[in-house]
Amino acid sequence: MANIAVIGAGAWGSALNYALGVKNTSANASATGRKNSELISLDDALKSEYIVFAIATQSTREFLKKNSSKISKNAKILVAQKGIETSTGAFLHEIFSEFFDSKNLAFLSGPSFASEVEKNLPCAVVVSAFDESLSKQWAEFFPPFMKSYESSDVIGTEICGAYKNVIAIAGGICDGMGLGNNARASLMARGLVEMARFGQAFGAKIESFLGLSGAGDLFLSASSELSRNFRVGKMLAKGADLATILEHLGEVAEGVPTAHAVVNISTKNDIYTPIANQISQVINGKDVRQALADLLKKN
C-alpha cells in the first residue's frame, strides 16, 4: 500500500484523506489530521512517499519555505488546492516548482464537493501533471466511486480550478438577488468564455475548459449552497460586509483573493475579464446592483 500524507485537515483535506484511505490503508492526514484515527505529527507526514497538499493557497509559499527541506526530493506531490497567489500573481505550479522538481508535481481538479466525497457519492476528477506517468500513478490511488482522468494541461486545469471560484461568487450574488434561471445560465456561459480567454493567454488548451476541471467544476460551484464561494456571493447580495461573511463562513473562500489576482494579471496582460473585474470591485465594497448594471451595458 502507498504511504500517502494529506497536508491540511480542512474539509477538502479530510475528504481526500478518507477517499485515498479507501484503497490505501496507510493514507493519513497531517497537522490536525490522522493516521487511521490516530493523530500524527507534521514532521512524520512530510516523510511520506506521496504527499497531497490541501492548504490555503495564500499561505502555501510560507509553508513550503519552512517545511520543504523535510520532504524527500523523490516525493510525489499532488496539489489539491486551488487559487492564485495574490501578492505575486503566481500560479500554484510556479510556486511549487520553486521547491520541487516539476516532474514530481501533479494537480487535482474537477467537480468534487468534500461532503459528497465522504458519502462515497460518485464523481469524476482530473489529475494533470508534466509527467504523464505521474498522472496515471495518482489516478490509481482514488477509490472506485471517484473516476480519474489524466491530463498534461497543467496550466489549463489549474486556471480552471482557480477561476471557477470567482464565477461561483458571481453565481451566489445572482441567486441572492433573485435574478432567475436565465441570468444564472447566462452567467455560467459567459463565465466559462471568460475563464477560457484568460487561460488561453497563458497557453492553456480549450479542451480543459470544456471538461471536468472547467465546465464541470464551474457548473457545480456556481450553483450550489455547498460551495463556500457561492455562499460568499449570496451573502454579499444580501448586504453583508466581507469581514462578517468570512467570519461566519469559518473556512477559506479562495475566490476572494483570486478575484483580485485575476484582475491584476488581466490588467497587466490586457485580457478582457468583465465578470472578475466586477466581483473584485464588489468584494471591495461596490454595490451589487451597480455591478449588475455595469455588466449589462453594451460594450
Protein backbone atom coordinates (compact mmCIF):
# COMPACT_ATOMS: atom_id res chain seq x y z
CA MET A 1 0.00 0.00 0.00
CA ALA A 2 1.16 3.53 -0.79
CA ASN A 3 2.18 5.74 2.12
CA ILE A 4 0.18 8.90 1.44
CA ALA A 5 0.07 12.01 3.61
CA VAL A 6 -2.55 14.72 3.21
CA ILE A 7 -1.27 18.10 4.37
CA GLY A 8 -4.22 20.16 5.54
CA ALA A 9 -7.11 18.86 7.58
CA GLY A 10 -9.87 21.19 6.48
CA ALA A 11 -13.00 19.87 4.78
CA TRP A 12 -11.26 19.03 1.49
CA GLY A 13 -8.11 17.63 3.09
CA SER A 14 -10.19 15.42 5.37
CA ALA A 15 -12.29 14.21 2.44
CA LEU A 16 -9.18 13.33 0.44
CA ASN A 17 -7.71 11.57 3.44
CA TYR A 18 -10.86 9.46 3.59
CA ALA A 19 -11.04 8.79 -0.15
CA LEU A 20 -7.39 7.84 -0.53
CA GLY A 21 -7.60 5.66 2.56
CA VAL A 22 -10.34 3.56 0.97
CA LYS A 23 -7.75 1.91 -1.25
CA ASN A 24 -4.59 2.71 0.72
CA THR A 25 -4.67 1.70 4.37
CA SER A 26 -1.59 3.79 5.15
CA ALA A 27 -3.11 7.05 3.90
CA ASN A 28 -3.08 9.71 6.60
CA ALA A 29 -3.68 13.40 7.21
CA SER A 30 -1.13 15.61 8.91
CA ALA A 31 -1.12 18.62 11.23
CA THR A 32 -4.56 18.25 12.84
CA GLY A 33 -5.05 15.04 10.91
CA ARG A 34 -4.97 11.33 11.50
CA LYS A 35 -3.41 8.01 10.62
CA ASN A 36 -6.35 5.60 10.87
CA SER A 37 -7.94 7.70 13.73
CA GLU A 38 -4.64 8.44 15.49
CA LEU A 39 -3.11 11.91 15.44
CA ILE A 40 0.27 12.14 13.72
CA SER A 41 2.85 14.91 13.58
CA LEU A 42 3.51 17.13 10.61
CA ASP A 43 7.15 16.00 10.55
CA ASP A 44 6.08 12.36 10.21
CA ALA A 45 3.67 13.20 7.42
CA LEU A 46 6.34 15.09 5.48
CA LYS A 47 8.47 11.93 5.33
CA SER A 48 5.85 10.16 3.21
CA GLU A 49 6.49 8.91 -0.30
CA TYR A 50 3.31 10.53 -1.64
CA ILE A 51 2.09 13.90 -0.32
CA VAL A 52 -1.18 15.69 -1.05
CA PHE A 53 -1.37 19.43 -0.38
CA ALA A 54 -4.77 20.83 0.61
CA ILE A 55 -3.84 24.03 2.41
CA ALA A 56 -4.77 27.67 1.74
CA THR A 57 -3.15 28.95 -1.43
CA GLN A 58 -2.18 32.30 0.08
CA SER A 59 -0.11 30.62 2.84
CA THR A 60 1.48 27.99 0.59
CA ARG A 61 4.76 29.74 -0.15
CA GLU A 62 5.44 30.43 3.52
CA PHE A 63 4.60 26.83 4.44
CA LEU A 64 6.99 25.49 1.81
CA LYS A 65 9.77 27.83 2.88
CA LYS A 66 9.54 26.41 6.39
CA ASN A 67 8.94 22.76 5.58
CA SER A 68 10.07 21.76 2.06
CA SER A 69 13.52 20.77 3.33
CA LYS A 70 11.86 17.99 5.35
CA ILE A 71 10.37 16.45 2.21
CA SER A 72 12.29 13.90 0.16
CA LYS A 73 13.45 15.11 -3.25
CA ASN A 74 11.86 11.99 -4.70
CA ALA A 75 8.46 12.51 -3.05
CA LYS A 76 5.48 12.64 -5.41
CA ILE A 77 3.35 15.74 -4.81
CA LEU A 78 -0.36 16.13 -5.60
CA VAL A 79 -1.57 19.74 -5.32
CA ALA A 80 -5.26 19.59 -4.42
CA GLN A 81 -5.75 23.27 -3.60
CA LYS A 82 -6.98 25.96 -5.98
CA GLY A 83 -6.17 29.63 -6.41
CA ILE A 84 -3.60 32.22 -7.47
CA GLU A 85 -1.13 33.91 -5.14
CA THR A 86 -2.42 37.47 -4.79
CA SER A 87 0.84 39.12 -3.74
CA THR A 88 2.79 37.93 -6.79
CA GLY A 89 0.22 36.69 -9.32
CA ALA A 90 1.99 33.32 -9.30
CA PHE A 91 0.12 30.15 -10.25
CA LEU A 92 0.41 27.18 -7.94
CA HIS A 93 2.63 25.19 -10.31
CA GLU A 94 5.05 28.13 -10.33
CA ILE A 95 5.17 28.24 -6.53
CA PHE A 96 5.66 24.50 -6.10
CA SER A 97 8.26 24.38 -8.88
CA GLU A 98 10.45 26.69 -6.81
CA PHE A 99 10.75 23.95 -4.18
CA PHE A 100 10.30 20.67 -6.08
CA ASP A 101 11.25 19.15 -9.43
CA SER A 102 8.29 19.74 -11.75
CA LYS A 103 8.41 16.09 -12.87
CA ASN A 104 7.24 15.16 -9.35
CA LEU A 105 4.25 17.52 -9.36
CA ALA A 106 0.65 16.67 -10.16
CA PHE A 107 -2.53 18.75 -9.77
CA LEU A 108 -6.07 17.69 -8.87
CA SER A 109 -9.21 19.37 -10.23
CA GLY A 110 -12.82 18.63 -11.12
CA PRO A 111 -16.30 18.82 -9.54
CA SER A 112 -15.96 17.18 -6.13
CA PHE A 113 -17.59 18.63 -3.03
CA ALA A 114 -15.91 17.31 0.11
CA SER A 115 -19.16 16.38 1.86
CA GLU A 116 -20.27 14.18 -1.05
CA VAL A 117 -16.88 12.51 -1.38
CA GLU A 118 -17.12 11.47 2.27
CA LYS A 119 -20.50 9.87 1.50
CA ASN A 120 -18.99 7.74 -1.30
CA LEU A 121 -21.14 9.55 -3.88
CA PRO A 122 -19.80 9.17 -7.43
CA CYS A 123 -17.77 11.93 -9.07
CA ALA A 124 -15.05 12.37 -11.66
CA VAL A 125 -11.78 14.26 -11.26
CA VAL A 126 -8.78 15.21 -13.37
CA VAL A 127 -5.15 14.67 -12.42
CA SER A 128 -2.81 16.80 -14.52
CA ALA A 129 0.97 16.58 -14.49
CA PHE A 130 4.01 17.48 -16.55
CA ASP A 131 4.89 13.77 -16.50
CA GLU A 132 2.03 11.63 -17.83
CA SER A 133 3.17 8.60 -15.86
CA LEU A 134 2.73 10.54 -12.61
CA SER A 135 -0.88 11.40 -13.53
CA LYS A 136 -1.60 7.73 -14.05
CA GLN A 137 0.11 6.83 -10.78
CA TRP A 138 -2.00 9.21 -8.71
CA ALA A 139 -5.17 8.24 -10.58
CA GLU A 140 -4.69 4.66 -9.43
CA PHE A 141 -4.94 5.71 -5.77
CA PHE A 142 -8.51 7.00 -5.96
CA PRO A 143 -11.41 4.77 -4.87
CA PRO A 144 -13.93 3.27 -7.31
CA PHE A 145 -16.53 6.00 -6.75
CA MET A 146 -14.05 8.65 -7.94
CA LYS A 147 -13.37 8.19 -11.65
CA SER A 148 -9.99 9.70 -12.56
CA TYR A 149 -8.91 11.18 -15.87
CA GLU A 150 -5.36 12.21 -16.77
CA SER A 151 -4.25 15.44 -18.43
CA SER A 152 -0.98 17.10 -19.43
CA ASP A 153 -2.51 20.60 -19.44
CA VAL A 154 -1.31 21.72 -16.02
CA ILE A 155 -1.85 25.45 -16.57
CA GLY A 156 -5.32 24.87 -18.05
CA THR A 157 -6.66 22.71 -15.26
CA GLU A 158 -5.05 24.98 -12.67
CA ILE A 159 -6.64 28.15 -14.07
CA CYS A 160 -10.00 26.39 -14.29
CA GLY A 161 -9.81 25.44 -10.62
CA ALA A 162 -8.89 28.97 -9.56
CA TYR A 163 -11.14 31.00 -11.83
CA LYS A 164 -14.31 28.99 -11.27
CA ASN A 165 -14.28 30.16 -7.64
CA VAL A 166 -14.56 33.76 -8.84
CA ILE A 167 -17.53 32.91 -11.04
CA ALA A 168 -19.02 30.96 -8.12
CA ILE A 169 -19.12 34.19 -6.10
CA ALA A 170 -20.99 35.77 -9.01
CA GLY A 171 -23.35 32.78 -9.02
CA GLY A 172 -24.11 33.33 -5.36
CA ILE A 173 -24.81 37.01 -5.99
CA CYS A 174 -27.12 36.05 -8.84
CA ASP A 175 -29.04 33.70 -6.56
CA GLY A 176 -29.06 36.13 -3.63
CA MET A 177 -30.51 38.88 -5.81
CA GLY A 178 -33.19 36.54 -7.16
CA LEU A 179 -32.21 37.17 -10.77
CA GLY A 180 -33.66 33.89 -12.07
CA ASN A 181 -32.63 30.96 -14.21
CA ASN A 182 -31.97 32.94 -17.38
CA ALA A 183 -29.44 35.11 -15.60
CA ARG A 184 -27.76 32.09 -13.98
CA ALA A 185 -27.37 30.31 -17.33
CA SER A 186 -26.06 33.47 -18.97
CA LEU A 187 -23.56 34.00 -16.16
CA MET A 188 -22.21 30.45 -16.38
CA ALA A 189 -21.90 30.57 -20.17
CA ARG A 190 -20.11 33.91 -20.19
CA GLY A 191 -18.08 32.92 -17.16
CA LEU A 192 -16.81 29.87 -19.00
CA VAL A 193 -15.88 32.01 -22.01
CA GLU A 194 -14.05 34.43 -19.72
CA MET A 195 -12.14 31.64 -17.97
CA ALA A 196 -11.09 30.16 -21.31
CA ARG A 197 -9.99 33.55 -22.67
CA PHE A 198 -7.83 34.09 -19.60
CA GLY A 199 -6.38 30.58 -19.75
CA GLN A 200 -5.56 30.65 -23.44
CA ALA A 201 -3.48 33.77 -22.86
CA PHE A 202 -1.15 31.51 -20.87
CA GLY A 203 -1.14 28.59 -23.29
CA ALA A 204 -4.00 26.55 -21.79
CA LYS A 205 -5.89 24.11 -24.00
CA ILE A 206 -9.54 24.88 -24.75
CA GLU A 207 -10.42 21.23 -24.05
CA SER A 208 -9.65 21.74 -20.36
CA PHE A 209 -12.31 24.43 -20.09
CA LEU A 210 -14.91 22.25 -21.77
CA GLY A 211 -14.22 19.28 -19.49
CA LEU A 212 -14.42 18.36 -15.82
CA SER A 213 -11.95 20.92 -14.49
CA GLY A 214 -13.63 23.75 -16.41
CA ALA A 215 -17.33 23.43 -17.19
CA GLY A 216 -17.86 20.61 -14.69
CA ASP A 217 -16.36 22.37 -11.68
CA LEU A 218 -17.82 25.74 -12.73
CA PHE A 219 -21.40 24.46 -13.03
CA LEU A 220 -21.10 22.77 -9.64
CA SER A 221 -19.50 25.62 -7.70
CA ALA A 222 -21.58 28.42 -9.22
CA SER A 223 -24.94 26.84 -8.48
CA SER A 224 -24.82 25.18 -5.07
CA GLU A 225 -25.01 26.21 -1.43
CA LEU A 226 -22.34 23.58 -0.75
CA SER A 227 -19.84 25.91 -2.43
CA ARG A 228 -18.30 28.30 0.10
CA ASN A 229 -17.61 30.82 -2.69
CA PHE A 230 -21.25 30.65 -3.77
CA ARG A 231 -22.27 31.34 -0.16
CA VAL A 232 -19.94 34.34 -0.05
CA GLY A 233 -21.66 35.78 -3.13
CA LYS A 234 -25.12 35.13 -1.76
CA MET A 235 -24.31 36.94 1.49
CA LEU A 236 -22.75 39.84 -0.42
CA ALA A 237 -26.01 40.13 -2.35
CA LYS A 238 -27.88 40.38 0.96
CA GLY A 239 -25.73 43.34 2.00
CA ALA A 240 -23.37 41.67 4.48
CA ASP A 241 -19.84 43.05 4.70
CA LEU A 242 -16.95 40.82 3.69
CA ALA A 243 -15.34 40.58 7.14
CA THR A 244 -18.60 39.35 8.66
CA ILE A 245 -19.12 36.91 5.82
CA LEU A 246 -15.68 35.34 6.14
CA GLU A 247 -16.02 35.10 9.91
CA HIS A 248 -19.40 33.41 9.53
CA LEU A 249 -18.05 31.10 6.84
CA GLY A 250 -15.30 29.75 9.07
CA GLU A 251 -13.43 28.41 6.01
CA VAL A 252 -11.17 29.83 3.33
CA ALA A 253 -13.03 31.13 0.27
CA GLU A 254 -10.28 31.17 -2.36
CA GLY A 255 -12.44 33.07 -4.83
CA VAL A 256 -12.00 36.26 -2.79
CA PRO A 257 -8.21 36.68 -3.18
CA THR A 258 -8.29 35.00 -6.60
CA ALA A 259 -10.66 37.66 -7.96
CA HIS A 260 -8.11 40.35 -7.13
CA ALA A 261 -5.26 38.26 -8.55
CA VAL A 262 -7.13 37.68 -11.83
CA VAL A 263 -7.84 41.39 -12.21
CA ASN A 264 -4.19 42.31 -11.56
CA ILE A 265 -2.96 39.73 -14.05
CA SER A 266 -5.54 40.57 -16.71
CA THR A 267 -4.80 44.29 -16.41
CA LYS A 268 -1.07 43.69 -16.93
CA ASN A 269 -1.70 41.38 -19.89
CA ASP A 270 -4.64 43.25 -21.44
CA ILE A 271 -7.10 40.35 -21.04
CA TYR A 272 -10.84 41.10 -21.05
CA THR A 273 -12.30 39.76 -17.77
CA PRO A 274 -15.51 41.74 -17.07
CA ILE A 275 -17.07 39.35 -14.53
CA ALA A 276 -13.90 39.02 -12.46
CA ASN A 277 -13.48 42.80 -12.59
CA GLN A 278 -16.94 43.37 -11.15
CA ILE A 279 -16.55 40.68 -8.49
CA SER A 280 -13.27 42.21 -7.36
CA GLN A 281 -14.98 45.58 -7.04
CA VAL A 282 -17.97 44.13 -5.16
CA ILE A 283 -15.58 42.46 -2.72
CA ASN A 284 -14.05 45.91 -2.22
CA GLY A 285 -17.46 47.41 -1.43
CA LYS A 286 -19.17 48.19 -4.73
CA ASP A 287 -22.96 47.84 -4.68
CA VAL A 288 -24.06 44.59 -6.32
CA ARG A 289 -26.87 46.34 -8.19
CA GLN A 290 -24.41 48.74 -9.79
CA ALA A 291 -22.11 45.85 -10.68
CA LEU A 292 -25.03 44.10 -12.40
CA ALA A 293 -25.93 47.26 -14.29
CA ASP A 294 -22.34 47.66 -15.46
CA LEU A 295 -22.19 44.04 -16.66
CA LEU A 296 -25.41 44.50 -18.65
CA LYS A 297 -24.12 47.55 -20.52
CA LYS A 298 -23.40 47.04 -24.19
CA ASN A 299 -19.69 47.35 -24.97
